[in-house]
Amino acid sequence: MPVDPNSLPHDPAILKQMLVDLTTQLDKTQRLLRQLLEAKSGTRSEQLSPDQLQLFAQELDVPAAATETQKDDDDLPPDTDSSSSEDKEESRPRGRRPLPSHLKRERIEHDLTAEEKHCGSCDEDLRPIGEETSERYEYIPAQMLVIEDVCKKYACACTVRTATKPPQPIEKSAAGASLLAQVIVSKIADHLPVHRQAKIFSRCGVDIPDQTLCGWMRQSAELLDPLYVRLKQFVLSSKVVSTDDTPVKVLDRSLTRATRKGRFWPYIGDRNHWAAVFDYTPTRERAGPEMFLKSYRGYLQADAYVAYDSFFTEPERGLVEVACWAHTRRHFHRALDTDAARMGAVLAYIAQLYKVEQRARRSGIVGQELRLLRQQASQPVLEELHEYLEKIGEAVLPKSEAGLAAAYALKNWTALTRYLEDGDLSIDNNHTERSLRGIAVGRHNWTFLGSDRGGKTMAVLRSFVVSCELAKVDPFAWFRDVLSRIGECSMQQLDELLPHRWAAAGA
């Protein structure tokens, strides 16, 4: 509504304060509007061009970053790291690649007719001089197979004996291990809702209700629960555990909107415990991660979610905070439009930090050698960046995007620089965020969970799918084999079924 000039106060101090408040509110409104427009248009990449970084670096007289090595992890596929686009371009094969050699070949020969093999010009028969070979893909649709288990019976004058069949994953169920594996992988790894799977099965002439498919997944998760406990113990025996969280809609008919928000929490182990375990909680309260991490002692890498604060301030918890530079960088990138010069300079500094990490990856530097490299190459950059952030904090409005970004970094500075003290620590939490990519894609397909129990089922099955991906194991092959064997395994043999151990045994 229009402002009446006569209603404004005459005191210059009050007018100045009103101007500051209005400017702050306008800045906040513009920020929210820009985020909404970006979310609507799908523009989320945070990549800066080398020319932009060169310009920002020149303003500060710091070495220019040759390439932008850090992207928004939402734009990265699950199996990639934060290497530069230049690295990917160099490693990508050019031209048409040969078809995979492990696929079955079927040779079809095409020959000339008897008349074509005779030359009418010289009246001689043509002789073979070679052949031309080309290859193409053909697709064989999936098939449903019915297995009849026939148990022979024998008898004598005093007894009757019947042969036994191998135990099935779900007793008295029509689903074998391979069908269960197909349903799980299609839903959890390929994000195919059960009603779409039911339509696919119907094209094979098999009608399976949606409720039956959901029940199979729930019963499979219950069967795998002892192995899930072992996987959790394996991950939490790490020196470093990384975590994050993402929301998911959960059906709740008692509410007016019919849905509420639940949470998935991934926990990723270190390079010596390279596996993932997911947890589901109905809310984002502190009690969820607190209960899950109750027995864990070591480094915990996460974003600056306030619920974690008490974990690190209570010495008896034994947790050491490691912050994420990707989360921090995102704050500065959001403020780039409102303060390009200062925020661009900060991004140039951060690019230098990632340049060191890129150099370490290319050279295979880990452990103690990586710690020494970071102290030599990254620590001076961090010292300059800290000094620059303090100057920004003094020069901009505290509630502006730039001021909030600088305050966020300075508040978490100790945790942000902790990765310098140990080569087993990572500069960011991107690998954990990439593990949530499947949940984000799945939300657009299966839309919501049917209940909290469904969230628990999803967490168990998602844990094994992601762990298989980390171990470079085919999830279908793993589920098919493990579901067919786990019923006969003793508790002492369970560890052999964990994806990383299963992969090593089959190597």
Protein backbone atom coordinates (compact mmCIF):
# COMPACT_ATOMS: atom_id res chain seq x y z
CA MET A 1 0.00 0.00 0.00
CA PRO A 2 1.28 3.58 -0.66
CA VAL A 3 3.04 5.40 2.17
CA ASP A 4 1.83 8.82 3.25
CA PRO A 5 4.89 11.11 3.51
CA ASN A 6 3.18 13.14 6.21
CA SER A 7 2.98 10.07 8.44
CA LEU A 8 6.74 9.51 8.43
CA PRO A 9 8.73 10.57 11.50
CA HIS A 10 11.01 13.61 11.30
CA ASP A 11 13.81 12.16 13.40
CA PRO A 12 16.76 11.29 11.04
CA ALA A 13 17.85 8.39 13.27
CA ILE A 14 14.45 6.75 13.11
CA LEU A 15 14.29 7.26 9.35
CA LYS A 16 17.73 5.64 8.95
CA GLN A 17 16.62 2.65 10.99
CA MET A 18 13.45 2.33 8.95
CA LEU A 19 15.53 2.37 5.76
CA VAL A 20 17.84 -0.33 7.10
CA ASP A 21 14.87 -2.50 8.09
CA LEU A 22 13.17 -2.05 4.73
CA THR A 23 16.40 -2.81 2.85
CA THR A 24 16.88 -5.97 4.91
CA GLN A 25 13.31 -7.08 4.29
CA LEU A 26 13.61 -6.36 0.57
CA ASP A 27 16.85 -8.35 0.39
CA LYS A 28 15.16 -11.27 2.12
CA THR A 29 12.13 -11.10 -0.16
CA GLN A 30 14.29 -10.98 -3.28
CA ARG A 31 16.29 -13.95 -2.02
CA LEU A 32 13.17 -16.04 -1.43
CA LEU A 33 11.72 -15.03 -4.79
CA ARG A 34 14.93 -16.00 -6.59
CA GLN A 35 15.03 -19.39 -4.83
CA LEU A 36 11.40 -20.05 -5.75
CA LEU A 37 12.02 -19.14 -9.40
CA GLU A 38 15.11 -21.34 -9.52
CA ALA A 39 13.20 -24.23 -7.98
CA LYS A 40 10.39 -23.76 -10.51
CA SER A 41 12.70 -23.56 -13.52
CA GLY A 42 15.02 -26.30 -12.30
CA THR A 43 18.14 -24.10 -12.44
CA ARG A 44 20.25 -25.41 -9.58
CA SER A 45 23.79 -25.78 -10.86
CA GLU A 46 26.41 -23.88 -8.88
CA GLN A 47 29.20 -24.35 -11.38
CA LEU A 48 31.22 -21.29 -12.27
CA SER A 49 33.19 -20.99 -15.48
CA PRO A 50 37.00 -20.80 -15.38
CA ASP A 51 36.77 -17.24 -16.74
CA GLN A 52 34.59 -16.18 -13.80
CA LEU A 53 36.99 -17.70 -11.28
CA GLN A 54 39.94 -16.10 -13.09
CA LEU A 55 38.27 -12.69 -12.78
CA PHE A 56 37.46 -13.12 -9.09
CA ALA A 57 40.96 -14.39 -8.37
CA GLN A 58 42.57 -11.42 -10.10
CA GLU A 59 40.62 -9.05 -7.87
CA LEU A 60 42.30 -10.64 -4.84
CA ASP A 61 45.73 -11.29 -6.40
CA VAL A 62 45.43 -15.00 -5.60
CA PRO A 63 46.41 -17.85 -7.96
CA ALA A 64 43.56 -18.42 -10.37
CA ALA A 65 41.75 -21.74 -10.34
CA ALA A 66 42.20 -23.39 -13.70
CA THR A 67 38.88 -25.16 -13.47
CA GLU A 68 35.83 -25.13 -11.31
CA THR A 69 36.04 -28.41 -9.44
CA GLN A 70 33.04 -28.25 -7.21
CA LYS A 71 29.45 -28.57 -8.39
CA ASP A 72 26.13 -28.65 -6.68
CA ASP A 73 25.88 -32.26 -5.59
CA ASP A 74 22.20 -32.29 -6.59
CA ASP A 75 23.47 -32.09 -10.20
CA LEU A 76 25.93 -34.96 -9.76
CA PRO A 77 24.96 -38.56 -10.48
CA PRO A 78 25.44 -41.01 -7.59
CA ASP A 79 28.56 -42.66 -9.01
CA THR A 80 30.62 -39.53 -9.68
CA ASP A 81 33.05 -37.57 -7.58
CA SER A 82 33.72 -33.86 -7.54
CA SER A 83 36.32 -33.96 -10.28
CA SER A 84 36.24 -31.24 -12.88
CA SER A 85 34.40 -31.37 -16.17
CA GLU A 86 37.81 -31.18 -17.84
CA ASP A 87 38.82 -34.50 -16.22
CA LYS A 88 35.60 -36.12 -17.36
CA GLU A 89 36.08 -34.85 -20.91
CA GLU A 90 39.57 -36.31 -21.04
CA SER A 91 38.48 -39.72 -19.75
CA ARG A 92 35.33 -40.06 -21.90
CA PRO A 93 35.88 -42.30 -24.95
CA ARG A 94 35.23 -40.64 -28.28
CA GLY A 95 33.38 -42.15 -31.21
CA ARG A 96 31.21 -45.26 -31.22
CA ARG A 97 32.31 -47.72 -28.59
CA PRO A 98 32.40 -51.49 -29.21
CA LEU A 99 29.50 -53.48 -27.83
CA PRO A 100 30.22 -55.21 -24.49
CA SER A 101 32.17 -58.43 -24.93
CA HIS A 102 30.41 -60.26 -22.08
CA LEU A 103 27.06 -60.31 -23.90
CA LYS A 104 25.98 -63.48 -25.66
CA ARG A 105 26.58 -63.38 -29.43
CA GLU A 106 24.34 -64.93 -32.05
CA ARG A 107 25.99 -65.19 -35.47
CA ILE A 108 23.76 -64.69 -38.49
CA GLU A 109 25.47 -65.20 -41.87
CA HIS A 110 24.21 -63.42 -44.98
CA ASP A 111 25.37 -65.06 -48.22
CA LEU A 112 24.97 -64.47 -51.94
CA THR A 113 22.60 -66.63 -53.92
CA ALA A 114 24.01 -69.27 -56.29
CA GLU A 115 23.33 -66.99 -59.27
CA GLU A 116 25.05 -64.01 -57.57
CA LYS A 117 28.16 -66.13 -56.94
CA HIS A 118 28.68 -66.49 -60.70
CA CYS A 119 30.19 -63.62 -62.73
CA GLY A 120 28.44 -63.06 -66.03
CA SER A 121 31.33 -60.95 -67.41
CA CYS A 122 34.17 -63.52 -67.17
CA ASP A 123 31.92 -66.58 -66.77
CA GLU A 124 33.77 -67.68 -63.60
CA ASP A 125 32.52 -68.50 -60.10
CA LEU A 126 33.34 -65.97 -57.38
CA ARG A 127 35.71 -67.17 -54.65
CA PRO A 128 35.40 -66.10 -50.97
CA ILE A 129 37.90 -63.39 -49.95
CA GLY A 130 36.64 -62.42 -46.48
CA GLU A 131 33.62 -61.04 -44.72
CA GLU A 132 32.28 -57.83 -43.23
CA THR A 133 30.96 -57.96 -39.67
CA SER A 134 28.73 -55.49 -37.87
CA GLU A 135 26.97 -55.75 -34.51
CA ARG A 136 23.65 -54.52 -33.17
CA TYR A 137 21.70 -54.82 -29.95
CA GLU A 138 18.54 -56.89 -29.70
CA TYR A 139 16.35 -57.07 -26.61
CA ILE A 140 14.81 -60.21 -25.11
CA PRO A 141 11.83 -59.30 -22.89
CA ALA A 142 11.80 -60.57 -19.32
CA GLN A 143 9.89 -63.77 -18.71
CA MET A 144 8.05 -65.21 -15.73
CA LEU A 145 8.92 -68.83 -14.98
CA VAL A 146 6.97 -71.22 -12.74
CA ILE A 147 9.12 -73.62 -10.72
CA GLU A 148 7.42 -76.81 -9.57
CA ASP A 149 9.00 -78.20 -6.40
CA VAL A 150 8.20 -81.92 -6.42
CA CYS A 151 9.10 -83.71 -3.19
CA LYS A 152 9.26 -87.48 -3.69
CA LYS A 153 7.68 -89.68 -1.03
CA TYR A 154 8.78 -93.17 -0.03
CA ALA A 155 7.34 -95.66 2.40
CA CYS A 156 7.93 -99.06 3.90
CA ALA A 157 5.90 -101.17 6.31
CA CYS A 158 6.77 -98.91 9.28
CA THR A 159 7.57 -95.39 8.00
CA VAL A 160 7.01 -92.76 5.34
CA ARG A 161 9.77 -90.40 4.18
CA THR A 162 9.41 -87.29 2.04
CA ALA A 163 12.23 -85.37 0.38
CA THR A 164 12.59 -81.78 1.54
CA LYS A 165 12.87 -78.73 -0.69
CA PRO A 166 15.21 -75.79 0.00
CA PRO A 167 13.70 -73.14 2.29
CA GLN A 168 12.14 -70.21 0.47
CA PRO A 169 12.72 -66.55 1.43
CA ILE A 170 9.03 -66.15 2.31
CA GLU A 171 7.43 -69.42 3.32
CA LYS A 172 4.11 -70.28 1.66
CA SER A 173 4.60 -67.41 -0.77
CA ALA A 174 4.41 -67.67 -4.54
CA ALA A 175 7.50 -65.40 -4.88
CA GLY A 176 10.94 -66.90 -5.31
CA ALA A 177 14.21 -65.11 -4.56
CA SER A 178 14.67 -63.80 -8.11
CA LEU A 179 11.18 -62.29 -8.25
CA LEU A 180 11.64 -60.65 -4.85
CA ALA A 181 14.99 -59.25 -6.03
CA GLN A 182 13.35 -57.87 -9.17
CA VAL A 183 10.57 -56.12 -7.22
CA ILE A 184 13.03 -54.64 -4.68
CA VAL A 185 15.54 -53.39 -7.24
CA SER A 186 12.82 -51.96 -9.49
CA LYS A 187 11.33 -49.98 -6.60
CA ILE A 188 14.41 -49.01 -4.56
CA ALA A 189 17.14 -48.69 -7.21
CA ASP A 190 15.11 -47.87 -10.34
CA HIS A 191 12.34 -45.90 -8.55
CA LEU A 192 9.50 -47.82 -10.23
CA PRO A 193 6.30 -47.68 -8.14
CA VAL A 194 4.63 -51.01 -7.41
CA HIS A 195 1.52 -50.16 -9.45
CA ARG A 196 3.70 -49.74 -12.54
CA GLN A 197 5.45 -53.01 -11.79
CA ALA A 198 2.04 -54.69 -11.54
CA LYS A 199 1.23 -53.42 -15.05
CA ILE A 200 4.51 -54.83 -16.36
CA PHE A 201 3.77 -58.23 -14.81
CA SER A 202 0.26 -58.14 -16.29
CA ARG A 203 1.81 -57.95 -19.77
CA CYS A 204 3.37 -61.32 -18.96
CA GLY A 205 -0.08 -62.64 -18.13
CA VAL A 206 0.50 -62.54 -14.36
CA ASP A 207 -1.77 -60.50 -12.09
CA ILE A 208 -0.10 -59.49 -8.80
CA PRO A 209 -1.95 -56.96 -6.59
CA ASP A 210 -0.07 -53.87 -5.42
CA GLN A 211 -0.63 -54.86 -1.79
CA THR A 212 1.06 -58.21 -2.44
CA LEU A 213 4.14 -56.53 -3.93
CA CYS A 214 4.36 -54.18 -0.91
CA GLY A 215 4.00 -57.14 1.43
CA TRP A 216 6.83 -58.97 -0.32
CA MET A 217 9.16 -56.00 0.16
CA ARG A 218 8.19 -55.67 3.84
CA GLN A 219 8.76 -59.37 4.49
CA SER A 220 12.08 -59.26 2.61
CA ALA A 221 13.20 -56.33 4.77
CA GLU A 222 12.23 -58.25 7.91
CA LEU A 223 14.22 -61.26 6.67
CA LEU A 224 17.24 -59.02 6.03
CA ASP A 225 16.95 -57.17 9.35
CA PRO A 226 19.70 -59.22 11.14
CA LEU A 227 22.02 -58.42 8.22
CA TYR A 228 20.96 -54.76 8.44
CA VAL A 229 22.08 -54.76 12.10
CA ARG A 230 25.46 -56.16 11.04
CA LEU A 231 25.76 -53.54 8.31
CA LYS A 232 25.04 -50.81 10.85
CA GLN A 233 27.73 -52.19 13.18
CA PHE A 234 30.20 -52.28 10.29
CA VAL A 235 29.55 -48.65 9.28
CA LEU A 236 29.64 -47.36 12.87
CA SER A 237 33.02 -49.03 13.42
CA SER A 238 34.45 -46.37 11.08
CA LYS A 239 36.86 -43.68 12.14
CA VAL A 240 34.69 -41.17 10.26
CA VAL A 241 30.94 -41.33 9.63
CA SER A 242 29.18 -38.92 7.28
CA THR A 243 25.48 -38.17 7.51
CA ASP A 244 22.74 -35.98 6.09
CA ASP A 245 18.96 -36.13 5.86
CA THR A 246 16.16 -35.62 3.37
CA PRO A 247 12.38 -35.31 3.78
CA VAL A 248 9.76 -37.68 2.38
CA LYS A 249 5.97 -37.51 2.40
CA VAL A 250 4.23 -40.11 4.57
CA LEU A 251 0.55 -40.94 4.25
CA ASP A 252 -1.43 -40.03 7.37
CA ARG A 253 -5.19 -40.12 6.93
CA SER A 254 -5.77 -38.52 10.33
CA LEU A 255 -4.46 -35.20 8.95
CA THR A 256 -6.38 -32.75 6.79
CA ARG A 257 -3.64 -32.73 4.15
CA ALA A 258 -3.38 -36.56 4.39
CA THR A 259 0.44 -36.49 4.45
CA ARG A 260 3.21 -35.40 6.79
CA LYS A 261 6.99 -35.34 6.54
CA GLY A 262 9.23 -38.20 7.57
CA ARG A 263 13.02 -38.27 7.29
CA PHE A 264 15.66 -40.54 5.78
CA TRP A 265 19.15 -40.37 7.30
CA PRO A 266 22.09 -41.98 5.44
CA TYR A 267 25.26 -42.88 7.34
CA ILE A 268 28.35 -43.54 5.21
CA GLY A 269 31.52 -45.16 6.56
CA ASP A 270 35.11 -44.19 5.80
CA ARG A 271 37.26 -45.66 3.03
CA ASN A 272 38.00 -48.72 5.17
CA HIS A 273 34.28 -49.24 5.88
CA TRP A 274 32.86 -48.22 2.51
CA ALA A 275 29.18 -48.96 2.98
CA ALA A 276 25.94 -47.11 3.68
CA VAL A 277 23.18 -47.64 6.19
CA PHE A 278 19.91 -45.69 6.16
CA ASP A 279 17.62 -44.86 9.05
CA TYR A 280 14.04 -43.61 8.95
CA THR A 281 12.39 -41.36 11.52
CA PRO A 282 8.86 -39.91 11.56
CA THR A 283 10.25 -36.45 12.41
CA ARG A 284 13.50 -34.47 12.19
CA GLU A 285 13.93 -34.34 15.95
CA ARG A 286 17.31 -34.85 17.60
CA ALA A 287 16.17 -38.18 19.08
CA GLY A 288 16.54 -39.94 15.70
CA PRO A 289 20.27 -39.46 15.04
CA GLU A 290 20.99 -39.50 18.77
CA MET A 291 19.58 -43.02 19.12
CA PHE A 292 21.23 -44.27 15.93
CA LEU A 293 24.66 -42.90 16.90
CA LYS A 294 24.36 -43.85 20.57
CA SER A 295 27.31 -46.25 20.49
CA TYR A 296 29.43 -44.37 17.95
CA ARG A 297 32.63 -42.56 18.92
CA GLY A 298 34.70 -40.67 16.36
CA TYR A 299 34.44 -38.01 13.66
CA LEU A 300 30.96 -37.08 12.45
CA GLN A 301 30.74 -35.10 9.21
CA ALA A 302 27.45 -33.32 8.64
CA ASP A 303 25.91 -29.97 7.86
CA ALA A 304 25.39 -27.42 10.63
CA TYR A 305 21.96 -28.73 11.64
CA VAL A 306 21.24 -27.41 15.12
CA ALA A 307 20.20 -30.85 16.43
CA TYR A 308 23.82 -32.00 16.14
CA ASP A 309 25.19 -29.19 18.31
CA SER A 310 24.68 -30.97 21.62
CA PHE A 311 26.49 -34.04 20.25
CA PHE A 312 29.71 -32.05 20.00
CA THR A 313 29.38 -29.99 23.20
CA GLU A 314 29.00 -33.03 25.45
CA PRO A 315 32.50 -34.54 25.95
CA GLU A 316 31.09 -37.88 27.10
CA ARG A 317 29.54 -38.39 23.66
CA GLY A 318 32.98 -38.70 22.10
CA LEU A 319 31.96 -37.11 18.79
CA VAL A 320 34.14 -34.65 16.86
CA GLU A 321 32.46 -32.34 14.36
CA VAL A 322 33.64 -32.12 10.76
CA ALA A 323 31.78 -29.58 8.64
CA CYS A 324 31.11 -29.62 4.91
CA TRP A 325 32.59 -27.09 2.52
CA ALA A 326 29.98 -27.92 -0.14
CA HIS A 327 27.19 -26.78 2.20
CA THR A 328 29.18 -23.65 3.08
CA ARG A 329 29.95 -22.85 -0.53
CA ARG A 330 26.26 -23.01 -1.34
CA HIS A 331 25.55 -20.07 0.98
CA PHE A 332 28.07 -17.89 -0.85
CA HIS A 333 26.79 -18.95 -4.25
CA ARG A 334 23.25 -17.90 -3.27
CA ALA A 335 24.60 -14.47 -2.37
CA LEU A 336 26.51 -14.12 -5.64
CA ASP A 337 23.77 -12.12 -7.37
CA THR A 338 23.56 -9.54 -4.60
CA ASP A 339 27.29 -9.11 -3.98
CA ALA A 340 29.19 -10.55 -6.92
CA ALA A 341 32.60 -9.04 -6.10
CA ARG A 342 32.89 -10.27 -2.50
CA MET A 343 31.09 -13.58 -2.96
CA GLY A 344 32.97 -14.32 -6.16
CA ALA A 345 36.26 -13.79 -4.32
CA VAL A 346 35.21 -16.26 -1.62
CA LEU A 347 34.27 -18.81 -4.30
CA ALA A 348 37.70 -18.34 -5.85
CA TYR A 349 39.32 -19.14 -2.51
CA ILE A 350 37.14 -22.25 -2.11
CA ALA A 351 38.04 -23.34 -5.65
CA GLN A 352 41.70 -23.28 -4.56
CA LEU A 353 40.88 -25.66 -1.71
CA TYR A 354 39.20 -28.07 -4.11
CA LYS A 355 42.14 -27.75 -6.49
CA VAL A 356 44.32 -29.28 -3.76
CA GLU A 357 41.84 -32.14 -3.31
CA GLN A 358 41.78 -32.70 -7.06
CA ARG A 359 45.56 -32.89 -7.12
CA ALA A 360 45.49 -35.48 -4.33
CA ARG A 361 42.92 -37.64 -6.14
CA ARG A 362 44.87 -37.59 -9.37
CA SER A 363 48.06 -38.61 -7.58
CA GLY A 364 46.41 -41.17 -5.32
CA ILE A 365 47.54 -39.32 -2.18
CA VAL A 366 45.77 -40.47 1.01
CA GLY A 367 46.34 -40.72 4.74
CA GLN A 368 49.36 -39.02 6.24
CA GLU A 369 50.63 -37.76 2.89
CA LEU A 370 47.29 -36.05 2.25
CA ARG A 371 47.40 -34.41 5.67
CA LEU A 372 50.84 -32.96 4.92
CA LEU A 373 49.73 -31.77 1.47
CA ARG A 374 46.72 -29.98 2.96
CA GLN A 375 48.79 -28.29 5.63
CA GLN A 376 51.23 -27.11 3.01
CA ALA A 377 48.80 -26.06 0.25
CA SER A 378 45.36 -25.57 1.84
CA GLN A 379 46.13 -24.05 5.22
CA PRO A 380 47.58 -20.77 3.83
CA VAL A 381 44.51 -20.37 1.63
CA LEU A 382 42.22 -20.95 4.61
CA GLU A 383 44.07 -18.37 6.68
CA GLU A 384 43.63 -15.76 3.94
CA LEU A 385 39.99 -16.73 3.51
CA HIS A 386 39.30 -16.39 7.24
CA GLU A 387 40.79 -12.90 7.26
CA TYR A 388 38.74 -11.95 4.20
CA LEU A 389 35.51 -13.28 5.75
CA GLU A 390 36.06 -11.14 8.83
CA LYS A 391 36.39 -8.09 6.59
CA ILE A 392 33.15 -9.03 4.80
CA GLY A 393 31.36 -9.38 8.14
CA GLU A 394 32.32 -5.82 9.02
CA ALA A 395 31.41 -4.35 5.61
CA VAL A 396 27.96 -5.84 4.89
CA LEU A 397 24.62 -5.88 6.66
CA PRO A 398 24.45 -8.79 9.13
CA LYS A 399 21.09 -9.99 7.77
CA SER A 400 21.97 -9.67 4.10
CA GLU A 401 22.72 -12.80 2.08
CA ALA A 402 26.43 -11.98 2.08
CA GLY A 403 26.41 -11.25 5.81
CA LEU A 404 24.59 -14.48 6.63
CA ALA A 405 26.97 -16.51 4.43
CA ALA A 406 30.05 -15.02 6.09
CA ALA A 407 28.57 -15.50 9.56
CA TYR A 408 27.76 -19.15 8.77
CA ALA A 409 31.34 -19.87 7.69
CA LEU A 410 32.93 -18.05 10.63
CA LYS A 411 30.63 -19.72 13.15
CA ASN A 412 31.60 -23.17 11.86
CA TRP A 413 35.23 -22.34 11.10
CA THR A 414 36.77 -24.84 13.52
CA ALA A 415 34.70 -27.68 12.07
CA LEU A 416 35.34 -26.48 8.51
CA THR A 417 39.11 -26.58 8.97
CA ARG A 418 39.19 -29.86 10.91
CA TYR A 419 39.78 -31.84 7.74
CA LEU A 420 43.34 -30.45 7.79
CA GLU A 421 44.26 -32.53 10.84
CA ASP A 422 43.64 -35.99 9.38
CA GLY A 423 44.02 -37.35 5.86
CA ASP A 424 41.06 -39.69 6.40
CA LEU A 425 38.71 -36.72 6.67
CA SER A 426 36.97 -35.32 3.59
CA ILE A 427 36.65 -31.70 2.59
CA ASP A 428 32.91 -32.13 2.03
CA ASN A 429 29.95 -34.42 2.50
CA ASN A 430 29.14 -34.83 -1.18
CA HIS A 431 29.36 -38.62 -1.20
CA THR A 432 26.63 -38.74 1.46
CA GLU A 433 24.44 -36.28 -0.42
CA ARG A 434 24.83 -38.37 -3.56
CA SER A 435 23.48 -41.37 -1.65
CA LEU A 436 20.27 -39.36 -1.19
CA ARG A 437 19.94 -38.83 -4.93
CA GLY A 438 17.90 -42.02 -5.23
CA ILE A 439 15.43 -40.82 -2.61
CA ALA A 440 15.06 -37.47 -4.40
CA VAL A 441 14.42 -39.17 -7.75
CA GLY A 442 12.10 -41.71 -6.14
CA ARG A 443 9.93 -39.00 -4.59
CA HIS A 444 8.91 -37.88 -8.08
CA ASN A 445 7.81 -41.44 -8.93
CA TRP A 446 6.32 -43.21 -5.91
CA THR A 447 5.36 -39.79 -4.42
CA PHE A 448 4.94 -40.84 -0.77
CA LEU A 449 5.33 -43.66 1.75
CA GLY A 450 2.25 -45.50 2.89
CA SER A 451 3.23 -45.53 6.57
CA ASP A 452 6.13 -45.26 9.00
CA ARG A 453 6.53 -49.02 8.71
CA GLY A 454 6.99 -48.49 4.97
CA GLY A 455 9.72 -45.96 5.81
CA LYS A 456 11.56 -48.57 7.85
CA THR A 457 11.24 -51.08 4.99
CA MET A 458 12.60 -48.52 2.55
CA ALA A 459 15.53 -47.68 4.86
CA VAL A 460 16.59 -51.33 5.19
CA LEU A 461 16.37 -52.09 1.48
CA ARG A 462 17.93 -48.77 0.46
CA SER A 463 20.88 -49.51 2.75
CA PHE A 464 21.73 -52.64 0.78
CA VAL A 465 21.11 -51.08 -2.63
CA VAL A 466 23.51 -48.18 -1.93
CA SER A 467 26.06 -50.49 -0.28
CA CYS A 468 25.97 -52.67 -3.39
CA GLU A 469 26.56 -49.61 -5.55
CA LEU A 470 29.52 -48.57 -3.38
CA ALA A 471 30.96 -52.09 -3.61
CA LYS A 472 30.32 -52.11 -7.40
CA VAL A 473 27.98 -55.07 -7.06
CA ASP A 474 24.85 -55.71 -9.11
CA PRO A 475 22.01 -55.22 -6.59
CA PHE A 476 19.78 -57.76 -8.34
CA ALA A 477 22.43 -60.49 -8.20
CA TRP A 478 23.10 -59.72 -4.53
CA PHE A 479 19.44 -59.77 -3.45
CA ARG A 480 18.71 -62.92 -5.45
CA ASP A 481 21.61 -64.80 -3.88
CA VAL A 482 21.28 -63.48 -0.31
CA LEU A 483 17.50 -63.91 -0.11
CA SER A 484 17.86 -67.52 -1.20
CA ARG A 485 20.59 -68.26 1.39
CA ILE A 486 20.01 -66.08 4.43
CA GLY A 487 17.39 -68.42 5.92
CA GLU A 488 20.03 -71.17 6.29
CA CYS A 489 22.85 -68.91 7.55
CA SER A 490 23.91 -68.90 11.17
CA MET A 491 24.50 -65.60 12.95
CA GLN A 492 28.25 -66.19 12.60
CA GLN A 493 27.92 -66.47 8.79
CA LEU A 494 25.91 -63.29 8.28
CA ASP A 495 28.96 -61.06 7.81
CA GLU A 496 29.89 -63.01 4.68
CA LEU A 497 26.66 -61.79 3.07
CA LEU A 498 27.42 -58.06 3.48
CA PRO A 499 27.82 -56.52 0.02
CA HIS A 500 31.54 -55.73 0.32
CA ARG A 501 32.32 -59.24 1.65
CA TRP A 502 30.02 -60.85 -0.91
CA ALA A 503 31.81 -59.00 -3.71
CA ALA A 504 35.23 -60.07 -2.42
CA ALA A 505 34.12 -63.72 -2.20
CA GLY A 506 32.93 -63.68 -5.81
CA ALA A 507 36.02 -61.92 -7.16
